[in-house]
Amino acid sequence: MGAKLLIKAKGKCTTDHISMANPWLKYRGHLDNISNNMLIGAVNAFGGATNSVVNQLTGAKGEVPATARAYKAAGIPSVVVGDHNYGEGS
């Protein structure tokens, strides 16, 4: 089975959209908790919502981190597609 699209970020998607700081900084060094923060601020090009993607295995909508974990558990790689200035920031 090929890779699944996790999210296509729409528009501006800086480092703050990819991995927000502030309260999440307390998890520095704890990768599992940091993963719960990944891409939750990115706007999904399919529907315009944040932290909402379609799990292509089940067809259900879910949060980005949970969907990424579902793909990983199934042994399926996932892909993130960025729009302009993806990852720009501090």
PDB file of N, CA and C in Angstrom:
ATOM      1  N   MET A   1       0.846  -1.163   0.000  1.00  0.00           N
ATOM      2  CA  MET A   1       0.000   0.000   0.000  1.00  0.00           C
ATOM      3  C   MET A   1       0.895   1.230   0.000  1.00  0.00           C
ATOM      4  N   GLY A   2       0.554   2.233  -0.775  1.00  0.00           N
ATOM      5  CA  GLY A   2       1.348   3.445  -0.890  1.00  0.00           C
ATOM      6  C   GLY A   2       1.107   4.409   0.250  1.00  0.00           C
ATOM      7  N   ALA A   3       1.869   5.480   0.238  1.00  0.00           N
ATOM      8  CA  ALA A   3       1.740   6.518   1.260  1.00  0.00           C
ATOM      9  C   ALA A   3       0.383   7.207   1.143  1.00  0.00           C
ATOM     10  N   LYS A   4      -0.121   7.666   2.279  1.00  0.00           N
ATOM     11  CA  LYS A   4      -1.390   8.391   2.333  1.00  0.00           C
ATOM     12  C   LYS A   4      -1.109   9.865   2.615  1.00  0.00           C
ATOM     13  N   LEU A   5      -1.913  10.732   2.032  1.00  0.00           N
ATOM     14  CA  LEU A   5      -1.808  12.154   2.310  1.00  0.00           C
ATOM     15  C   LEU A   5      -2.381  12.402   3.703  1.00  0.00           C
ATOM     16  N   LEU A   6      -1.547  12.922   4.596  1.00  0.00           N
ATOM     17  CA  LEU A   6      -2.016  13.253   5.932  1.00  0.00           C
ATOM     18  C   LEU A   6      -2.746  14.588   5.899  1.00  0.00           C
ATOM     19  N   ILE A   7      -2.097  15.611   5.345  1.00  0.00           N
ATOM     20  CA  ILE A   7      -2.704  16.928   5.250  1.00  0.00           C
ATOM     21  C   ILE A   7      -2.029  17.713   4.136  1.00  0.00           C
ATOM     22  N   LYS A   8      -2.813  18.509   3.449  1.00  0.00           N
ATOM     23  CA  LYS A   8      -2.286  19.493   2.516  1.00  0.00           C
ATOM     24  C   LYS A   8      -2.565  20.836   3.163  1.00  0.00           C
ATOM     25  N   ALA A   9      -1.493  21.485   3.633  1.00  0.00           N
ATOM     26  CA  ALA A   9      -1.643  22.766   4.318  1.00  0.00           C
ATOM     27  C   ALA A   9      -2.030  23.842   3.311  1.00  0.00           C
ATOM     28  N   LYS A  10      -3.001  24.656   3.684  1.00  0.00           N
ATOM     29  CA  LYS A  10      -3.482  25.718   2.804  1.00  0.00           C
ATOM     30  C   LYS A  10      -2.931  27.054   3.275  1.00  0.00           C
ATOM     31  N   GLY A  11      -2.373  27.798   2.333  1.00  0.00           N
ATOM     32  CA  GLY A  11      -1.911  29.146   2.634  1.00  0.00           C
ATOM     33  C   GLY A  11      -0.694  29.170   3.528  1.00  0.00           C
ATOM     34  N   LYS A  12      -0.601  30.245   4.293  1.00  0.00           N
ATOM     35  CA  LYS A  12       0.540  30.455   5.179  1.00  0.00           C
ATOM     36  C   LYS A  12       0.591  29.349   6.233  1.00  0.00           C
ATOM     37  N   CYS A  13       1.709  28.689   6.320  1.00  0.00           N
ATOM     38  CA  CYS A  13       1.881  27.606   7.293  1.00  0.00           C
ATOM     39  C   CYS A  13       3.293  27.710   7.855  1.00  0.00           C
ATOM     40  N   THR A  14       3.436  28.555   8.877  1.00  0.00           N
ATOM     41  CA  THR A  14       4.746  28.802   9.476  1.00  0.00           C
ATOM     42  C   THR A  14       5.062  27.731  10.509  1.00  0.00           C
ATOM     43  N   THR A  15       6.222  27.875  11.131  1.00  0.00           N
ATOM     44  CA  THR A  15       6.615  26.920  12.180  1.00  0.00           C
ATOM     45  C   THR A  15       5.606  26.915  13.325  1.00  0.00           C
ATOM     46  N   ASP A  16       4.948  28.044  13.584  1.00  0.00           N
ATOM     47  CA  ASP A  16       3.938  28.082  14.650  1.00  0.00           C
ATOM     48  C   ASP A  16       2.697  27.269  14.292  1.00  0.00           C
ATOM     49  N   HIS A  17       2.383  27.155  13.025  1.00  0.00           N
ATOM     50  CA  HIS A  17       1.258  26.317  12.605  1.00  0.00           C
ATOM     51  C   HIS A  17       1.646  24.836  12.642  1.00  0.00           C
ATOM     52  N   ILE A  18       2.912  24.565  12.355  1.00  0.00           N
ATOM     53  CA  ILE A  18       3.388  23.182  12.316  1.00  0.00           C
ATOM     54  C   ILE A  18       3.545  22.627  13.725  1.00  0.00           C
ATOM     55  N   SER A  19       4.163  23.390  14.604  1.00  0.00           N
ATOM     56  CA  SER A  19       4.359  22.961  15.981  1.00  0.00           C
ATOM     57  C   SER A  19       4.314  24.194  16.876  1.00  0.00           C
ATOM     58  N   MET A  20       3.154  24.455  17.444  1.00  0.00           N
ATOM     59  CA  MET A  20       2.957  25.651  18.263  1.00  0.00           C
ATOM     60  C   MET A  20       3.817  25.598  19.518  1.00  0.00           C
ATOM     61  N   ALA A  21       4.252  26.749  19.934  1.00  0.00           N
ATOM     62  CA  ALA A  21       5.094  26.837  21.126  1.00  0.00           C
ATOM     63  C   ALA A  21       4.217  27.057  22.362  1.00  0.00           C
ATOM     64  N   ASN A  22       4.587  27.997  23.165  1.00  0.00           N
ATOM     65  CA  ASN A  22       3.909  28.365  24.410  1.00  0.00           C
ATOM     66  C   ASN A  22       3.682  27.168  25.323  1.00  0.00           C
ATOM     67  N   PRO A  23       2.446  26.729  25.614  1.00  0.00           N
ATOM     68  CA  PRO A  23       2.280  25.676  26.614  1.00  0.00           C
ATOM     69  C   PRO A  23       2.957  24.358  26.223  1.00  0.00           C
ATOM     70  N   TRP A  24       3.204  24.176  24.938  1.00  0.00           N
ATOM     71  CA  TRP A  24       3.811  22.927  24.485  1.00  0.00           C
ATOM     72  C   TRP A  24       5.294  22.853  24.810  1.00  0.00           C
ATOM     73  N   LEU A  25       5.911  23.980  25.132  1.00  0.00           N
ATOM     74  CA  LEU A  25       7.343  23.972  25.436  1.00  0.00           C
ATOM     75  C   LEU A  25       7.678  23.126  26.657  1.00  0.00           C
ATOM     76  N   LYS A  26       6.726  22.928  27.545  1.00  0.00           N
ATOM     77  CA  LYS A  26       6.999  22.101  28.724  1.00  0.00           C
ATOM     78  C   LYS A  26       7.269  20.650  28.347  1.00  0.00           C
ATOM     79  N   TYR A  27       6.938  20.268  27.109  1.00  0.00           N
ATOM     80  CA  TYR A  27       7.158  18.888  26.659  1.00  0.00           C
ATOM     81  C   TYR A  27       8.468  18.708  25.899  1.00  0.00           C
ATOM     82  N   ARG A  28       9.331  19.728  25.919  1.00  0.00           N
ATOM     83  CA  ARG A  28      10.619  19.600  25.226  1.00  0.00           C
ATOM     84  C   ARG A  28      11.274  18.294  25.632  1.00  0.00           C
ATOM     85  N   GLY A  29      11.728  17.549  24.654  1.00  0.00           N
ATOM     86  CA  GLY A  29      12.401  16.285  24.922  1.00  0.00           C
ATOM     87  C   GLY A  29      11.454  15.107  25.045  1.00  0.00           C
ATOM     88  N   HIS A  30      10.157  15.324  25.037  1.00  0.00           N
ATOM     89  CA  HIS A  30       9.191  14.230  25.138  1.00  0.00           C
ATOM     90  C   HIS A  30       8.466  14.128  23.800  1.00  0.00           C
ATOM     91  N   LEU A  31       9.022  13.313  22.920  1.00  0.00           N
ATOM     92  CA  LEU A  31       8.567  13.274  21.531  1.00  0.00           C
ATOM     93  C   LEU A  31       7.106  12.870  21.372  1.00  0.00           C
ATOM     94  N   ASP A  32       6.616  11.993  22.219  1.00  0.00           N
ATOM     95  CA  ASP A  32       5.228  11.572  22.079  1.00  0.00           C
ATOM     96  C   ASP A  32       4.281  12.739  22.333  1.00  0.00           C
ATOM     97  N   ASN A  33       4.550  13.535  23.356  1.00  0.00           N
ATOM     98  CA  ASN A  33       3.705  14.698  23.627  1.00  0.00           C
ATOM     99  C   ASN A  33       3.871  15.771  22.564  1.00  0.00           C
ATOM    100  N   ILE A  34       5.081  15.971  22.076  1.00  0.00           N
ATOM    101  CA  ILE A  34       5.297  16.942  21.008  1.00  0.00           C
ATOM    102  C   ILE A  34       4.525  16.518  19.762  1.00  0.00           C
ATOM    103  N   SER A  35       4.465  15.232  19.506  1.00  0.00           N
ATOM    104  CA  SER A  35       3.726  14.728  18.344  1.00  0.00           C
ATOM    105  C   SER A  35       2.236  15.057  18.428  1.00  0.00           C
ATOM    106  N   ASN A  36       1.706  15.183  19.635  1.00  0.00           N
ATOM    107  CA  ASN A  36       0.299  15.550  19.803  1.00  0.00           C
ATOM    108  C   ASN A  36       0.021  16.974  19.344  1.00  0.00           C
ATOM    109  N   ASN A  37       1.064  17.747  19.128  1.00  0.00           N
ATOM    110  CA  ASN A  37       0.977  19.150  18.757  1.00  0.00           C
ATOM    111  C   ASN A  37       1.211  19.370  17.254  1.00  0.00           C
ATOM    112  N   MET A  38       1.708  18.369  16.572  1.00  0.00           N
ATOM    113  CA  MET A  38       2.139  18.550  15.191  1.00  0.00           C
ATOM    114  C   MET A  38       0.974  18.821  14.241  1.00  0.00           C
ATOM    115  N   LEU A  39       1.102  19.915  13.531  1.00  0.00           N
ATOM    116  CA  LEU A  39       0.194  20.328  12.459  1.00  0.00           C
ATOM    117  C   LEU A  39      -1.233  20.617  12.902  1.00  0.00           C
ATOM    118  N   ILE A  40      -1.454  20.806  14.203  1.00  0.00           N
ATOM    119  CA  ILE A  40      -2.815  21.098  14.655  1.00  0.00           C
ATOM    120  C   ILE A  40      -3.238  22.520  14.306  1.00  0.00           C
ATOM    121  N   GLY A  41      -2.285  23.387  13.972  1.00  0.00           N
ATOM    122  CA  GLY A  41      -2.618  24.753  13.582  1.00  0.00           C
ATOM    123  C   GLY A  41      -2.649  24.966  12.080  1.00  0.00           C
ATOM    124  N   ALA A  42      -2.305  23.934  11.317  1.00  0.00           N
ATOM    125  CA  ALA A  42      -2.310  24.045   9.859  1.00  0.00           C
ATOM    126  C   ALA A  42      -3.738  23.960   9.322  1.00  0.00           C
ATOM    127  N   VAL A  43      -4.052  24.808   8.361  1.00  0.00           N
ATOM    128  CA  VAL A  43      -5.376  24.788   7.734  1.00  0.00           C
ATOM    129  C   VAL A  43      -5.382  23.715   6.646  1.00  0.00           C
ATOM    130  N   ASN A  44      -6.324  22.807   6.719  1.00  0.00           N
ATOM    131  CA  ASN A  44      -6.444  21.741   5.739  1.00  0.00           C
ATOM    132  C   ASN A  44      -7.052  22.309   4.454  1.00  0.00           C
ATOM    133  N   ALA A  45      -6.372  22.123   3.337  1.00  0.00           N
ATOM    134  CA  ALA A  45      -6.857  22.623   2.050  1.00  0.00           C
ATOM    135  C   ALA A  45      -8.185  21.968   1.647  1.00  0.00           C
ATOM    136  N   PHE A  46      -8.467  20.814   2.220  1.00  0.00           N
ATOM    137  CA  PHE A  46      -9.715  20.117   1.931  1.00  0.00           C
ATOM    138  C   PHE A  46     -10.692  20.367   3.071  1.00  0.00           C
ATOM    139  N   GLY A  47     -11.433  21.451   3.008  1.00  0.00           N
ATOM    140  CA  GLY A  47     -12.429  21.770   4.025  1.00  0.00           C
ATOM    141  C   GLY A  47     -12.148  23.034   4.807  1.00  0.00           C
ATOM    142  N   GLY A  48     -10.891  23.476   4.845  1.00  0.00           N
ATOM    143  CA  GLY A  48     -10.553  24.732   5.500  1.00  0.00           C
ATOM    144  C   GLY A  48     -10.499  24.709   7.012  1.00  0.00           C
ATOM    145  N   ALA A  49     -10.573  23.547   7.628  1.00  0.00           N
ATOM    146  CA  ALA A  49     -10.535  23.462   9.089  1.00  0.00           C
ATOM    147  C   ALA A  49      -9.110  23.225   9.575  1.00  0.00           C
ATOM    148  N   THR A  50      -8.872  23.540  10.827  1.00  0.00           N
ATOM    149  CA  THR A  50      -7.600  23.191  11.455  1.00  0.00           C
ATOM    150  C   THR A  50      -7.796  21.927  12.280  1.00  0.00           C
ATOM    151  N   ASN A  51      -6.736  21.150  12.338  1.00  0.00           N
ATOM    152  CA  ASN A  51      -6.712  19.901  13.110  1.00  0.00           C
ATOM    153  C   ASN A  51      -7.864  18.967  12.770  1.00  0.00           C
ATOM    154  N   SER A  52      -8.186  18.883  11.499  1.00  0.00           N
ATOM    155  CA  SER A  52      -9.244  17.986  11.039  1.00  0.00           C
ATOM    156  C   SER A  52      -8.881  17.459   9.655  1.00  0.00           C
ATOM    157  N   VAL A  53      -8.693  16.151   9.581  1.00  0.00           N
ATOM    158  CA  VAL A  53      -8.367  15.491   8.317  1.00  0.00           C
ATOM    159  C   VAL A  53      -9.214  14.226   8.194  1.00  0.00           C
ATOM    160  N   VAL A  54      -9.314  13.719   6.983  1.00  0.00           N
ATOM    161  CA  VAL A  54     -10.029  12.462   6.767  1.00  0.00           C
ATOM    162  C   VAL A  54      -9.033  11.318   6.844  1.00  0.00           C
ATOM    163  N   ASN A  55      -9.314  10.369   7.713  1.00  0.00           N
ATOM    164  CA  ASN A  55      -8.511   9.160   7.798  1.00  0.00           C
ATOM    165  C   ASN A  55      -8.862   8.312   6.579  1.00  0.00           C
ATOM    166  N   GLN A  56      -7.917   8.130   5.689  1.00  0.00           N
ATOM    167  CA  GLN A  56      -8.183   7.423   4.442  1.00  0.00           C
ATOM    168  C   GLN A  56      -8.340   5.921   4.635  1.00  0.00           C
ATOM    169  N   LEU A  57      -8.091   5.422   5.840  1.00  0.00           N
ATOM    170  CA  LEU A  57      -8.313   4.009   6.130  1.00  0.00           C
ATOM    171  C   LEU A  57      -9.748   3.744   6.564  1.00  0.00           C
ATOM    172  N   THR A  58     -10.340   4.726   7.269  1.00  0.00           N
ATOM    173  CA  THR A  58     -11.684   4.537   7.813  1.00  0.00           C
ATOM    174  C   THR A  58     -12.735   5.438   7.185  1.00  0.00           C
ATOM    175  N   GLY A  59     -12.292   6.547   6.571  1.00  0.00           N
ATOM    176  CA  GLY A  59     -13.219   7.521   6.017  1.00  0.00           C
ATOM    177  C   GLY A  59     -13.734   8.514   7.040  1.00  0.00           C
ATOM    178  N   ALA A  60     -13.353   8.339   8.298  1.00  0.00           N
ATOM    179  CA  ALA A  60     -13.811   9.231   9.363  1.00  0.00           C
ATOM    180  C   ALA A  60     -12.898  10.442   9.497  1.00  0.00           C
ATOM    181  N   LYS A  61     -13.487  11.572   9.904  1.00  0.00           N
ATOM    182  CA  LYS A  61     -12.679  12.748  10.198  1.00  0.00           C
ATOM    183  C   LYS A  61     -12.056  12.576  11.569  1.00  0.00           C
ATOM    184  N   GLY A  62     -10.828  13.104  11.692  1.00  0.00           N
ATOM    185  CA  GLY A  62     -10.146  13.023  12.974  1.00  0.00           C
ATOM    186  C   GLY A  62      -9.079  14.080  13.081  1.00  0.00           C
ATOM    187  N   GLU A  63      -8.457  14.146  14.233  1.00  0.00           N
ATOM    188  CA  GLU A  63      -7.377  15.088  14.465  1.00  0.00           C
ATOM    189  C   GLU A  63      -6.129  14.628  13.714  1.00  0.00           C
ATOM    190  N   VAL A  64      -5.295  15.584  13.332  1.00  0.00           N
ATOM    191  CA  VAL A  64      -4.096  15.275  12.550  1.00  0.00           C
ATOM    192  C   VAL A  64      -3.188  14.283  13.277  1.00  0.00           C
ATOM    193  N   PRO A  65      -2.811  14.521  14.555  1.00  0.00           N
ATOM    194  CA  PRO A  65      -1.910  13.576  15.218  1.00  0.00           C
ATOM    195  C   PRO A  65      -2.487  12.165  15.342  1.00  0.00           C
ATOM    196  N   ALA A  66      -3.780  12.064  15.641  1.00  0.00           N
ATOM    197  CA  ALA A  66      -4.406  10.748  15.780  1.00  0.00           C
ATOM    198  C   ALA A  66      -4.431  10.007  14.443  1.00  0.00           C
ATOM    199  N   THR A  67      -4.681  10.724  13.380  1.00  0.00           N
ATOM    200  CA  THR A  67      -4.699  10.113  12.050  1.00  0.00           C
ATOM    201  C   THR A  67      -3.299   9.658  11.650  1.00  0.00           C
ATOM    202  N   ALA A  68      -2.302  10.481  11.951  1.00  0.00           N
ATOM    203  CA  ALA A  68      -0.911  10.085  11.659  1.00  0.00           C
ATOM    204  C   ALA A  68      -0.548   8.815  12.421  1.00  0.00           C
ATOM    205  N   ARG A  69      -0.984   8.727  13.668  1.00  0.00           N
ATOM    206  CA  ARG A  69      -0.694   7.523  14.462  1.00  0.00           C
ATOM    207  C   ARG A  69      -1.422   6.292  13.899  1.00  0.00           C
ATOM    208  N   ALA A  70      -2.625   6.496  13.390  1.00  0.00           N
ATOM    209  CA  ALA A  70      -3.369   5.372  12.795  1.00  0.00           C
ATOM    210  C   ALA A  70      -2.636   4.840  11.569  1.00  0.00           C
ATOM    211  N   TYR A  71      -2.121   5.749  10.739  1.00  0.00           N
ATOM    212  CA  TYR A  71      -1.358   5.321   9.571  1.00  0.00           C
ATOM    213  C   TYR A  71      -0.104   4.568  10.007  1.00  0.00           C
ATOM    214  N   LYS A  72       0.589   5.108  11.000  1.00  0.00           N
ATOM    215  CA  LYS A  72       1.816   4.467  11.477  1.00  0.00           C
ATOM    216  C   LYS A  72       1.516   3.070  12.025  1.00  0.00           C
ATOM    217  N   ALA A  73       0.447   2.948  12.800  1.00  0.00           N
ATOM    218  CA  ALA A  73       0.071   1.652  13.372  1.00  0.00           C
ATOM    219  C   ALA A  73      -0.244   0.625  12.283  1.00  0.00           C
ATOM    220  N   ALA A  74      -0.764   1.122  11.152  1.00  0.00           N
ATOM    221  CA  ALA A  74      -1.100   0.236  10.032  1.00  0.00           C
ATOM    222  C   ALA A  74       0.102  -0.010   9.122  1.00  0.00           C
ATOM    223  N   GLY A  75       1.241   0.605   9.463  1.00  0.00           N
ATOM    224  CA  GLY A  75       2.444   0.416   8.650  1.00  0.00           C
ATOM    225  C   GLY A  75       2.419   1.186   7.344  1.00  0.00           C
ATOM    226  N   ILE A  76       1.637   2.259   7.301  1.00  0.00           N
ATOM    227  CA  ILE A  76       1.484   3.040   6.073  1.00  0.00           C
ATOM    228  C   ILE A  76       2.170   4.393   6.251  1.00  0.00           C
ATOM    229  N   PRO A  77       3.087   4.731   5.363  1.00  0.00           N
ATOM    230  CA  PRO A  77       3.728   6.052   5.455  1.00  0.00           C
ATOM    231  C   PRO A  77       2.736   7.148   5.083  1.00  0.00           C
ATOM    232  N   SER A  78       2.987   8.351   5.610  1.00  0.00           N
ATOM    233  CA  SER A  78       2.120   9.475   5.287  1.00  0.00           C
ATOM    234  C   SER A  78       2.939  10.640   4.759  1.00  0.00           C
ATOM    235  N   VAL A  79       2.252  11.533   4.056  1.00  0.00           N
ATOM    236  CA  VAL A  79       2.886  12.661   3.391  1.00  0.00           C
ATOM    237  C   VAL A  79       2.172  13.939   3.824  1.00  0.00           C
ATOM    238  N   VAL A  80       2.961  15.002   4.026  1.00  0.00           N
ATOM    239  CA  VAL A  80       2.426  16.333   4.294  1.00  0.00           C
ATOM    240  C   VAL A  80       2.814  17.212   3.117  1.00  0.00           C
ATOM    241  N   VAL A  81       1.848  17.925   2.564  1.00  0.00           N
ATOM    242  CA  VAL A  81       2.115  18.835   1.454  1.00  0.00           C
ATOM    243  C   VAL A  81       1.920  20.262   1.961  1.00  0.00           C
ATOM    244  N   GLY A  82       2.905  21.104   1.707  1.00  0.00           N
ATOM    245  CA  GLY A  82       2.825  22.484   2.154  1.00  0.00           C
ATOM    246  C   GLY A  82       2.490  23.428   1.032  1.00  0.00           C
ATOM    247  N   ASP A  83       1.962  24.568   1.388  1.00  0.00           N
ATOM    248  CA  ASP A  83       1.643  25.634   0.448  1.00  0.00           C
ATOM    249  C   ASP A  83       2.786  26.643   0.519  1.00  0.00           C
ATOM    250  N   HIS A  84       2.542  27.875   0.122  1.00  0.00           N
ATOM    251  CA  HIS A  84       3.606  28.874   0.131  1.00  0.00           C
ATOM    252  C   HIS A  84       4.127  29.107   1.551  1.00  0.00           C
ATOM    253  N   ASN A  85       5.363  29.408   1.642  1.00  0.00           N
ATOM    254  CA  ASN A  85       6.156  29.638   2.854  1.00  0.00           C
ATOM    255  C   ASN A  85       5.938  28.591   3.955  1.00  0.00           C
ATOM    256  N   TYR A  86       5.776  27.345   3.565  1.00  0.00           N
ATOM    257  CA  TYR A  86       5.631  26.254   4.546  1.00  0.00           C
ATOM    258  C   TYR A  86       6.910  26.186   5.398  1.00  0.00           C
ATOM    259  N   GLY A  87       6.747  26.231   6.681  1.00  0.00           N
ATOM    260  CA  GLY A  87       7.866  26.094   7.597  1.00  0.00           C
ATOM    261  C   GLY A  87       8.644  27.357   7.858  1.00  0.00           C
ATOM    262  N   GLU A  88       8.232  28.471   7.285  1.00  0.00           N
ATOM    263  CA  GLU A  88       8.954  29.726   7.501  1.00  0.00           C
ATOM    264  C   GLU A  88       8.691  30.210   8.928  1.00  0.00           C
ATOM    265  N   GLY A  89       9.693  30.688   9.572  1.00  0.00           N
ATOM    266  CA  GLY A  89       9.528  31.216  10.921  1.00  0.00           C
ATOM    267  C   GLY A  89      10.766  30.983  11.747  1.00  0.00           C
ATOM    268  N   SER A  90      10.620  31.209  13.033  1.00  0.00           N
ATOM    269  CA  SER A  90      11.773  31.085  13.920  1.00  0.00           C
ATOM    270  C   SER A  90      12.026  29.655  14.316  1.00  0.00           C
TER     271      SER A  90
END
